[in-house]
Amino acid sequence: MQPSDIKALLEARLEDCDFYIQGEGCNFQVIAVGDVFGGLSPVKRQQLIYGALSEEIASGAVHAVSIKTYTPAQWADAPENVASPGQGA
């Protein structure tokens, strides 16, 4: 699978989120940004992502997934957010 495949799956299964995917083969790093994560514990946030990829994980198409989740407000100040320099200044 390619990062674009993972992104398409997540976009189809989790509405109103932005996804930033890196990786190759069956190992991926997922950054997910959305209001849906507000008020959820870190475990519940990860469960949303794992749940959306459960078929691919069960089949072995996706073997390892590293997940970071943010609300839009958290993303504005996240170190991984290099798309908008100067945010939070």
PDB file of N, CA and C in Angstrom:
ATOM      1  N   MET A   1       0.840  -1.188   0.000  1.00  0.00           N
ATOM      2  CA  MET A   1       0.000   0.000   0.000  1.00  0.00           C
ATOM      3  C   MET A   1       0.880   1.245   0.000  1.00  0.00           C
ATOM      4  N   GLN A   2       0.320   2.297  -0.508  1.00  0.00           N
ATOM      5  CA  GLN A   2       0.998   3.585  -0.551  1.00  0.00           C
ATOM      6  C   GLN A   2       0.330   4.542   0.438  1.00  0.00           C
ATOM      7  N   PRO A   3       1.034   5.605   0.852  1.00  0.00           N
ATOM      8  CA  PRO A   3       0.411   6.585   1.742  1.00  0.00           C
ATOM      9  C   PRO A   3      -0.907   7.133   1.185  1.00  0.00           C
ATOM     10  N   SER A   4      -0.983   7.313  -0.125  1.00  0.00           N
ATOM     11  CA  SER A   4      -2.228   7.830  -0.720  1.00  0.00           C
ATOM     12  C   SER A   4      -3.377   6.845  -0.540  1.00  0.00           C
ATOM     13  N   ASP A   5      -3.080   5.539  -0.522  1.00  0.00           N
ATOM     14  CA  ASP A   5      -4.112   4.524  -0.285  1.00  0.00           C
ATOM     15  C   ASP A   5      -4.650   4.625   1.136  1.00  0.00           C
ATOM     16  N   ILE A   6      -3.742   4.769   2.086  1.00  0.00           N
ATOM     17  CA  ILE A   6      -4.144   4.890   3.486  1.00  0.00           C
ATOM     18  C   ILE A   6      -4.973   6.160   3.683  1.00  0.00           C
ATOM     19  N   LYS A   7      -4.519   7.259   3.086  1.00  0.00           N
ATOM     20  CA  LYS A   7      -5.244   8.521   3.198  1.00  0.00           C
ATOM     21  C   LYS A   7      -6.656   8.385   2.638  1.00  0.00           C
ATOM     22  N   ALA A   8      -6.797   7.752   1.481  1.00  0.00           N
ATOM     23  CA  ALA A   8      -8.120   7.578   0.867  1.00  0.00           C
ATOM     24  C   ALA A   8      -9.032   6.734   1.752  1.00  0.00           C
ATOM     25  N   LEU A   9      -8.500   5.671   2.343  1.00  0.00           N
ATOM     26  CA  LEU A   9      -9.293   4.835   3.242  1.00  0.00           C
ATOM     27  C   LEU A   9      -9.774   5.624   4.452  1.00  0.00           C
ATOM     28  N   LEU A  10      -8.861   6.366   5.074  1.00  0.00           N
ATOM     29  CA  LEU A  10      -9.224   7.143   6.257  1.00  0.00           C
ATOM     30  C   LEU A  10     -10.229   8.240   5.924  1.00  0.00           C
ATOM     31  N   GLU A  11     -10.026   8.927   4.801  1.00  0.00           N
ATOM     32  CA  GLU A  11     -10.960   9.991   4.411  1.00  0.00           C
ATOM     33  C   GLU A  11     -12.357   9.437   4.151  1.00  0.00           C
ATOM     34  N   ALA A  12     -12.438   8.229   3.624  1.00  0.00           N
ATOM     35  CA  ALA A  12     -13.735   7.614   3.350  1.00  0.00           C
ATOM     36  C   ALA A  12     -14.423   7.138   4.620  1.00  0.00           C
ATOM     37  N   ARG A  13     -13.644   6.842   5.657  1.00  0.00           N
ATOM     38  CA  ARG A  13     -14.199   6.222   6.862  1.00  0.00           C
ATOM     39  C   ARG A  13     -14.315   7.162   8.049  1.00  0.00           C
ATOM     40  N   LEU A  14     -13.596   8.274   8.032  1.00  0.00           N
ATOM     41  CA  LEU A  14     -13.663   9.266   9.115  1.00  0.00           C
ATOM     42  C   LEU A  14     -13.907  10.632   8.492  1.00  0.00           C
ATOM     43  N   GLU A  15     -15.067  11.183   8.740  1.00  0.00           N
ATOM     44  CA  GLU A  15     -15.431  12.455   8.124  1.00  0.00           C
ATOM     45  C   GLU A  15     -14.809  13.634   8.860  1.00  0.00           C
ATOM     46  N   ASP A  16     -14.645  14.722   8.128  1.00  0.00           N
ATOM     47  CA  ASP A  16     -14.211  16.003   8.691  1.00  0.00           C
ATOM     48  C   ASP A  16     -12.868  15.937   9.396  1.00  0.00           C
ATOM     49  N   CYS A  17     -11.957  15.160   8.841  1.00  0.00           N
ATOM     50  CA  CYS A  17     -10.591  15.096   9.353  1.00  0.00           C
ATOM     51  C   CYS A  17      -9.623  15.317   8.203  1.00  0.00           C
ATOM     52  N   ASP A  18      -8.467  15.868   8.541  1.00  0.00           N
ATOM     53  CA  ASP A  18      -7.365  15.969   7.599  1.00  0.00           C
ATOM     54  C   ASP A  18      -6.332  14.927   8.002  1.00  0.00           C
ATOM     55  N   PHE A  19      -5.732  14.288   7.006  1.00  0.00           N
ATOM     56  CA  PHE A  19      -4.766  13.235   7.276  1.00  0.00           C
ATOM     57  C   PHE A  19      -3.457  13.524   6.563  1.00  0.00           C
ATOM     58  N   TYR A  20      -2.369  13.261   7.263  1.00  0.00           N
ATOM     59  CA  TYR A  20      -1.025  13.391   6.730  1.00  0.00           C
ATOM     60  C   TYR A  20      -0.350  12.039   6.942  1.00  0.00           C
ATOM     61  N   ILE A  21      -0.017  11.370   5.853  1.00  0.00           N
ATOM     62  CA  ILE A  21       0.458   9.995   5.928  1.00  0.00           C
ATOM     63  C   ILE A  21       1.872   9.903   5.361  1.00  0.00           C
ATOM     64  N   GLN A  22       2.727   9.169   6.071  1.00  0.00           N
ATOM     65  CA  GLN A  22       4.060   8.839   5.577  1.00  0.00           C
ATOM     66  C   GLN A  22       4.250   7.342   5.742  1.00  0.00           C
ATOM     67  N   GLY A  23       5.180   6.796   4.991  1.00  0.00           N
ATOM     68  CA  GLY A  23       5.496   5.387   5.126  1.00  0.00           C
ATOM     69  C   GLY A  23       5.471   4.688   3.787  1.00  0.00           C
ATOM     70  N   GLU A  24       5.670   3.376   3.847  1.00  0.00           N
ATOM     71  CA  GLU A  24       5.642   2.572   2.635  1.00  0.00           C
ATOM     72  C   GLU A  24       5.437   1.119   3.019  1.00  0.00           C
ATOM     73  N   GLY A  25       5.084   0.334   2.025  1.00  0.00           N
ATOM     74  CA  GLY A  25       4.864  -1.087   2.270  1.00  0.00           C
ATOM     75  C   GLY A  25       3.685  -1.298   3.192  1.00  0.00           C
ATOM     76  N   CYS A  26       3.963  -1.765   4.397  1.00  0.00           N
ATOM     77  CA  CYS A  26       2.882  -2.000   5.358  1.00  0.00           C
ATOM     78  C   CYS A  26       3.126  -1.265   6.678  1.00  0.00           C
ATOM     79  N   ASN A  27       4.041  -0.293   6.681  1.00  0.00           N
ATOM     80  CA  ASN A  27       4.353   0.489   7.876  1.00  0.00           C
ATOM     81  C   ASN A  27       4.089   1.964   7.599  1.00  0.00           C
ATOM     82  N   PHE A  28       3.211   2.578   8.408  1.00  0.00           N
ATOM     83  CA  PHE A  28       2.789   3.949   8.139  1.00  0.00           C
ATOM     84  C   PHE A  28       2.749   4.794   9.402  1.00  0.00           C
ATOM     85  N   GLN A  29       2.988   6.090   9.200  1.00  0.00           N
ATOM     86  CA  GLN A  29       2.817   7.083  10.250  1.00  0.00           C
ATOM     87  C   GLN A  29       1.612   7.937   9.845  1.00  0.00           C
ATOM     88  N   VAL A  30       0.648   8.035  10.734  1.00  0.00           N
ATOM     89  CA  VAL A  30      -0.590   8.765  10.462  1.00  0.00           C
ATOM     90  C   VAL A  30      -0.690   9.945  11.412  1.00  0.00           C
ATOM     91  N   ILE A  31      -0.887  11.126  10.847  1.00  0.00           N
ATOM     92  CA  ILE A  31      -1.260  12.298  11.638  1.00  0.00           C
ATOM     93  C   ILE A  31      -2.679  12.637  11.217  1.00  0.00           C
ATOM     94  N   ALA A  32      -3.569  12.695  12.187  1.00  0.00           N
ATOM     95  CA  ALA A  32      -4.977  12.989  11.922  1.00  0.00           C
ATOM     96  C   ALA A  32      -5.364  14.250  12.682  1.00  0.00           C
ATOM     97  N   VAL A  33      -6.054  15.156  11.992  1.00  0.00           N
ATOM     98  CA  VAL A  33      -6.467  16.428  12.584  1.00  0.00           C
ATOM     99  C   VAL A  33      -7.970  16.583  12.382  1.00  0.00           C
ATOM    100  N   GLY A  34      -8.701  16.773  13.494  1.00  0.00           N
ATOM    101  CA  GLY A  34     -10.139  16.968  13.367  1.00  0.00           C
ATOM    102  C   GLY A  34     -10.787  17.299  14.693  1.00  0.00           C
ATOM    103  N   ASP A  35     -11.923  17.962  14.613  1.00  0.00           N
ATOM    104  CA  ASP A  35     -12.680  18.293  15.820  1.00  0.00           C
ATOM    105  C   ASP A  35     -13.183  17.038  16.533  1.00  0.00           C
ATOM    106  N   VAL A  36     -13.290  15.933  15.801  1.00  0.00           N
ATOM    107  CA  VAL A  36     -13.782  14.691  16.379  1.00  0.00           C
ATOM    108  C   VAL A  36     -12.924  14.229  17.563  1.00  0.00           C
ATOM    109  N   PHE A  37     -11.672  14.659  17.605  1.00  0.00           N
ATOM    110  CA  PHE A  37     -10.770  14.227  18.669  1.00  0.00           C
ATOM    111  C   PHE A  37     -10.914  15.044  19.958  1.00  0.00           C
ATOM    112  N   GLY A  38     -11.619  16.158  19.898  1.00  0.00           N
ATOM    113  CA  GLY A  38     -11.817  16.987  21.077  1.00  0.00           C
ATOM    114  C   GLY A  38     -12.549  16.228  22.169  1.00  0.00           C
ATOM    115  N   GLY A  39     -12.032  16.272  23.373  1.00  0.00           N
ATOM    116  CA  GLY A  39     -12.672  15.627  24.509  1.00  0.00           C
ATOM    117  C   GLY A  39     -12.423  14.131  24.611  1.00  0.00           C
ATOM    118  N   LEU A  40     -11.693  13.556  23.676  1.00  0.00           N
ATOM    119  CA  LEU A  40     -11.396  12.124  23.732  1.00  0.00           C
ATOM    120  C   LEU A  40     -10.033  11.886  24.366  1.00  0.00           C
ATOM    121  N   SER A  41      -9.924  10.782  25.088  1.00  0.00           N
ATOM    122  CA  SER A  41      -8.634  10.401  25.652  1.00  0.00           C
ATOM    123  C   SER A  41      -7.706   9.973  24.518  1.00  0.00           C
ATOM    124  N   PRO A  42      -6.389   9.976  24.767  1.00  0.00           N
ATOM    125  CA  PRO A  42      -5.462   9.515  23.732  1.00  0.00           C
ATOM    126  C   PRO A  42      -5.786   8.103  23.227  1.00  0.00           C
ATOM    127  N   VAL A  43      -6.215   7.224  24.120  1.00  0.00           N
ATOM    128  CA  VAL A  43      -6.559   5.860  23.712  1.00  0.00           C
ATOM    129  C   VAL A  43      -7.771   5.863  22.792  1.00  0.00           C
ATOM    130  N   LYS A  44      -8.806   6.616  23.132  1.00  0.00           N
ATOM    131  CA  LYS A  44     -10.006   6.689  22.289  1.00  0.00           C
ATOM    132  C   LYS A  44      -9.675   7.290  20.920  1.00  0.00           C
ATOM    133  N   ARG A  45      -8.782   8.265  20.896  1.00  0.00           N
ATOM    134  CA  ARG A  45      -8.367   8.871  19.620  1.00  0.00           C
ATOM    135  C   ARG A  45      -7.719   7.827  18.729  1.00  0.00           C
ATOM    136  N   GLN A  46      -6.797   7.048  19.292  1.00  0.00           N
ATOM    137  CA  GLN A  46      -6.120   6.022  18.508  1.00  0.00           C
ATOM    138  C   GLN A  46      -7.081   4.928  18.075  1.00  0.00           C
ATOM    139  N   GLN A  47      -8.045   4.598  18.931  1.00  0.00           N
ATOM    140  CA  GLN A  47      -9.013   3.569  18.573  1.00  0.00           C
ATOM    141  C   GLN A  47      -9.833   3.969  17.348  1.00  0.00           C
ATOM    142  N   LEU A  48     -10.117   5.264  17.190  1.00  0.00           N
ATOM    143  CA  LEU A  48     -10.835   5.719  15.997  1.00  0.00           C
ATOM    144  C   LEU A  48     -10.046   5.405  14.731  1.00  0.00           C
ATOM    145  N   ILE A  49      -8.756   5.670  14.775  1.00  0.00           N
ATOM    146  CA  ILE A  49      -7.918   5.431  13.603  1.00  0.00           C
ATOM    147  C   ILE A  49      -7.748   3.934  13.358  1.00  0.00           C
ATOM    148  N   TYR A  50      -7.427   3.189  14.418  1.00  0.00           N
ATOM    149  CA  TYR A  50      -7.284   1.741  14.262  1.00  0.00           C
ATOM    150  C   TYR A  50      -8.576   1.118  13.748  1.00  0.00           C
ATOM    151  N   GLY A  51      -9.707   1.575  14.255  1.00  0.00           N
ATOM    152  CA  GLY A  51     -10.994   1.048  13.804  1.00  0.00           C
ATOM    153  C   GLY A  51     -11.219   1.287  12.327  1.00  0.00           C
ATOM    154  N   ALA A  52     -10.812   2.457  11.845  1.00  0.00           N
ATOM    155  CA  ALA A  52     -10.988   2.787  10.428  1.00  0.00           C
ATOM    156  C   ALA A  52     -10.089   1.937   9.532  1.00  0.00           C
ATOM    157  N   LEU A  53      -9.011   1.422  10.096  1.00  0.00           N
ATOM    158  CA  LEU A  53      -8.072   0.602   9.312  1.00  0.00           C
ATOM    159  C   LEU A  53      -8.112  -0.873   9.711  1.00  0.00           C
ATOM    160  N   SER A  54      -9.135  -1.280  10.451  1.00  0.00           N
ATOM    161  CA  SER A  54      -9.166  -2.631  11.026  1.00  0.00           C
ATOM    162  C   SER A  54      -9.106  -3.740   9.973  1.00  0.00           C
ATOM    163  N   GLU A  55      -9.792  -3.550   8.840  1.00  0.00           N
ATOM    164  CA  GLU A  55      -9.765  -4.590   7.798  1.00  0.00           C
ATOM    165  C   GLU A  55      -8.361  -4.752   7.227  1.00  0.00           C
ATOM    166  N   GLU A  56      -7.698  -3.634   6.970  1.00  0.00           N
ATOM    167  CA  GLU A  56      -6.353  -3.681   6.399  1.00  0.00           C
ATOM    168  C   GLU A  56      -5.340  -4.233   7.400  1.00  0.00           C
ATOM    169  N   ILE A  57      -5.519  -3.924   8.677  1.00  0.00           N
ATOM    170  CA  ILE A  57      -4.628  -4.466   9.701  1.00  0.00           C
ATOM    171  C   ILE A  57      -4.854  -5.970   9.829  1.00  0.00           C
ATOM    172  N   ALA A  58      -6.114  -6.398   9.845  1.00  0.00           N
ATOM    173  CA  ALA A  58      -6.429  -7.826   9.974  1.00  0.00           C
ATOM    174  C   ALA A  58      -5.907  -8.635   8.787  1.00  0.00           C
ATOM    175  N   SER A  59      -5.948  -8.053   7.600  1.00  0.00           N
ATOM    176  CA  SER A  59      -5.499  -8.767   6.404  1.00  0.00           C
ATOM    177  C   SER A  59      -3.980  -8.788   6.265  1.00  0.00           C
ATOM    178  N   GLY A  60      -3.296  -7.922   7.014  1.00  0.00           N
ATOM    179  CA  GLY A  60      -1.849  -7.821   6.913  1.00  0.00           C
ATOM    180  C   GLY A  60      -1.383  -6.788   5.908  1.00  0.00           C
ATOM    181  N   ALA A  61      -2.319  -6.153   5.203  1.00  0.00           N
ATOM    182  CA  ALA A  61      -1.944  -5.110   4.243  1.00  0.00           C
ATOM    183  C   ALA A  61      -1.285  -3.937   4.964  1.00  0.00           C
ATOM    184  N   VAL A  62      -1.711  -3.701   6.202  1.00  0.00           N
ATOM    185  CA  VAL A  62      -1.091  -2.699   7.071  1.00  0.00           C
ATOM    186  C   VAL A  62      -0.592  -3.447   8.295  1.00  0.00           C
ATOM    187  N   HIS A  63       0.706  -3.344   8.534  1.00  0.00           N
ATOM    188  CA  HIS A  63       1.296  -4.092   9.648  1.00  0.00           C
ATOM    189  C   HIS A  63       1.531  -3.198  10.868  1.00  0.00           C
ATOM    190  N   ALA A  64       2.126  -2.052  10.655  1.00  0.00           N
ATOM    191  CA  ALA A  64       2.466  -1.164  11.767  1.00  0.00           C
ATOM    192  C   ALA A  64       1.950   0.235  11.463  1.00  0.00           C
ATOM    193  N   VAL A  65       1.292   0.822  12.444  1.00  0.00           N
ATOM    194  CA  VAL A  65       0.752   2.172  12.294  1.00  0.00           C
ATOM    195  C   VAL A  65       1.150   2.991  13.514  1.00  0.00           C
ATOM    196  N   SER A  66       1.821   4.090  13.263  1.00  0.00           N
ATOM    197  CA  SER A  66       2.127   5.067  14.302  1.00  0.00           C
ATOM    198  C   SER A  66       1.117   6.199  14.142  1.00  0.00           C
ATOM    199  N   ILE A  67       0.446   6.572  15.233  1.00  0.00           N
ATOM    200  CA  ILE A  67      -0.655   7.528  15.135  1.00  0.00           C
ATOM    201  C   ILE A  67      -0.423   8.722  16.054  1.00  0.00           C
ATOM    202  N   LYS A  68      -0.633   9.911  15.492  1.00  0.00           N
ATOM    203  CA  LYS A  68      -0.694  11.140  16.275  1.00  0.00           C
ATOM    204  C   LYS A  68      -1.994  11.831  15.883  1.00  0.00           C
ATOM    205  N   THR A  69      -2.751  12.267  16.878  1.00  0.00           N
ATOM    206  CA  THR A  69      -4.033  12.916  16.603  1.00  0.00           C
ATOM    207  C   THR A  69      -4.066  14.289  17.266  1.00  0.00           C
ATOM    208  N   TYR A  70      -4.747  15.216  16.585  1.00  0.00           N
ATOM    209  CA  TYR A  70      -4.836  16.588  17.060  1.00  0.00           C
ATOM    210  C   TYR A  70      -6.213  17.157  16.751  1.00  0.00           C
ATOM    211  N   THR A  71      -6.660  18.051  17.609  1.00  0.00           N
ATOM    212  CA  THR A  71      -7.771  18.916  17.224  1.00  0.00           C
ATOM    213  C   THR A  71      -7.167  20.019  16.353  1.00  0.00           C
ATOM    214  N   PRO A  72      -7.982  20.768  15.610  1.00  0.00           N
ATOM    215  CA  PRO A  72      -7.401  21.859  14.808  1.00  0.00           C
ATOM    216  C   PRO A  72      -6.609  22.863  15.649  1.00  0.00           C
ATOM    217  N   ALA A  73      -7.084  23.172  16.851  1.00  0.00           N
ATOM    218  CA  ALA A  73      -6.365  24.116  17.715  1.00  0.00           C
ATOM    219  C   ALA A  73      -5.015  23.535  18.145  1.00  0.00           C
ATOM    220  N   GLN A  74      -4.981  22.253  18.474  1.00  0.00           N
ATOM    221  CA  GLN A  74      -3.725  21.620  18.856  1.00  0.00           C
ATOM    222  C   GLN A  74      -2.765  21.554  17.671  1.00  0.00           C
ATOM    223  N   TRP A  75      -3.302  21.302  16.491  1.00  0.00           N
ATOM    224  CA  TRP A  75      -2.488  21.196  15.284  1.00  0.00           C
ATOM    225  C   TRP A  75      -1.806  22.521  14.953  1.00  0.00           C
ATOM    226  N   ALA A  76      -2.469  23.621  15.238  1.00  0.00           N
ATOM    227  CA  ALA A  76      -1.898  24.936  14.940  1.00  0.00           C
ATOM    228  C   ALA A  76      -0.557  25.128  15.644  1.00  0.00           C
ATOM    229  N   ASP A  77      -0.380  24.499  16.798  1.00  0.00           N
ATOM    230  CA  ASP A  77       0.854  24.641  17.570  1.00  0.00           C
ATOM    231  C   ASP A  77       1.729  23.386  17.568  1.00  0.00           C
ATOM    232  N   ALA A  78       1.348  22.377  16.793  1.00  0.00           N
ATOM    233  CA  ALA A  78       2.088  21.109  16.804  1.00  0.00           C
ATOM    234  C   ALA A  78       3.414  21.231  16.065  1.00  0.00           C
ATOM    235  N   PRO A  79       4.466  20.627  16.602  1.00  0.00           N
ATOM    236  CA  PRO A  79       5.770  20.696  15.939  1.00  0.00           C
ATOM    237  C   PRO A  79       5.773  20.042  14.564  1.00  0.00           C
ATOM    238  N   GLU A  80       4.886  19.069  14.335  1.00  0.00           N
ATOM    239  CA  GLU A  80       4.821  18.399  13.028  1.00  0.00           C
ATOM    240  C   GLU A  80       4.174  19.269  11.958  1.00  0.00           C
ATOM    241  N   ASN A  81       3.498  20.330  12.375  1.00  0.00           N
ATOM    242  CA  ASN A  81       2.775  21.178  11.431  1.00  0.00           C
ATOM    243  C   ASN A  81       3.738  22.174  10.798  1.00  0.00           C
ATOM    244  N   VAL A  82       4.391  21.724   9.755  1.00  0.00           N
ATOM    245  CA  VAL A  82       5.330  22.599   9.038  1.00  0.00           C
ATOM    246  C   VAL A  82       4.649  23.288   7.873  1.00  0.00           C
ATOM    247  N   ALA A  83       3.382  22.975   7.643  1.00  0.00           N
ATOM    248  CA  ALA A  83       2.658  23.558   6.505  1.00  0.00           C
ATOM    249  C   ALA A  83       2.302  25.018   6.740  1.00  0.00           C
ATOM    250  N   SER A  84       2.236  25.441   7.993  1.00  0.00           N
ATOM    251  CA  SER A  84       1.865  26.826   8.263  1.00  0.00           C
ATOM    252  C   SER A  84       2.869  27.486   9.196  1.00  0.00           C
ATOM    253  N   PRO A  85       4.000  27.923   8.655  1.00  0.00           N
ATOM    254  CA  PRO A  85       5.000  28.576   9.510  1.00  0.00           C
ATOM    255  C   PRO A  85       4.432  29.852  10.121  1.00  0.00           C
ATOM    256  N   GLY A  86       4.839  30.075  11.345  1.00  0.00           N
ATOM    257  CA  GLY A  86       4.392  31.288  12.023  1.00  0.00           C
ATOM    258  C   GLY A  86       3.111  31.109  12.803  1.00  0.00           C
ATOM    259  N   GLN A  87       2.511  29.933  12.755  1.00  0.00           N
ATOM    260  CA  GLN A  87       1.294  29.693  13.522  1.00  0.00           C
ATOM    261  C   GLN A  87       1.610  29.810  15.011  1.00  0.00           C
ATOM    262  N   GLY A  88       0.706  30.397  15.732  1.00  0.00           N
ATOM    263  CA  GLY A  88       0.849  30.493  17.176  1.00  0.00           C
ATOM    264  C   GLY A  88       1.833  31.552  17.634  1.00  0.00           C
ATOM    265  N   ALA A  89       2.352  32.339  16.735  1.00  0.00           N
ATOM    266  CA  ALA A  89       3.334  33.355  17.094  1.00  0.00           C
ATOM    267  C   ALA A  89       2.658  34.636  17.532  1.00  0.00           C
TER     268      ALA A  89
END
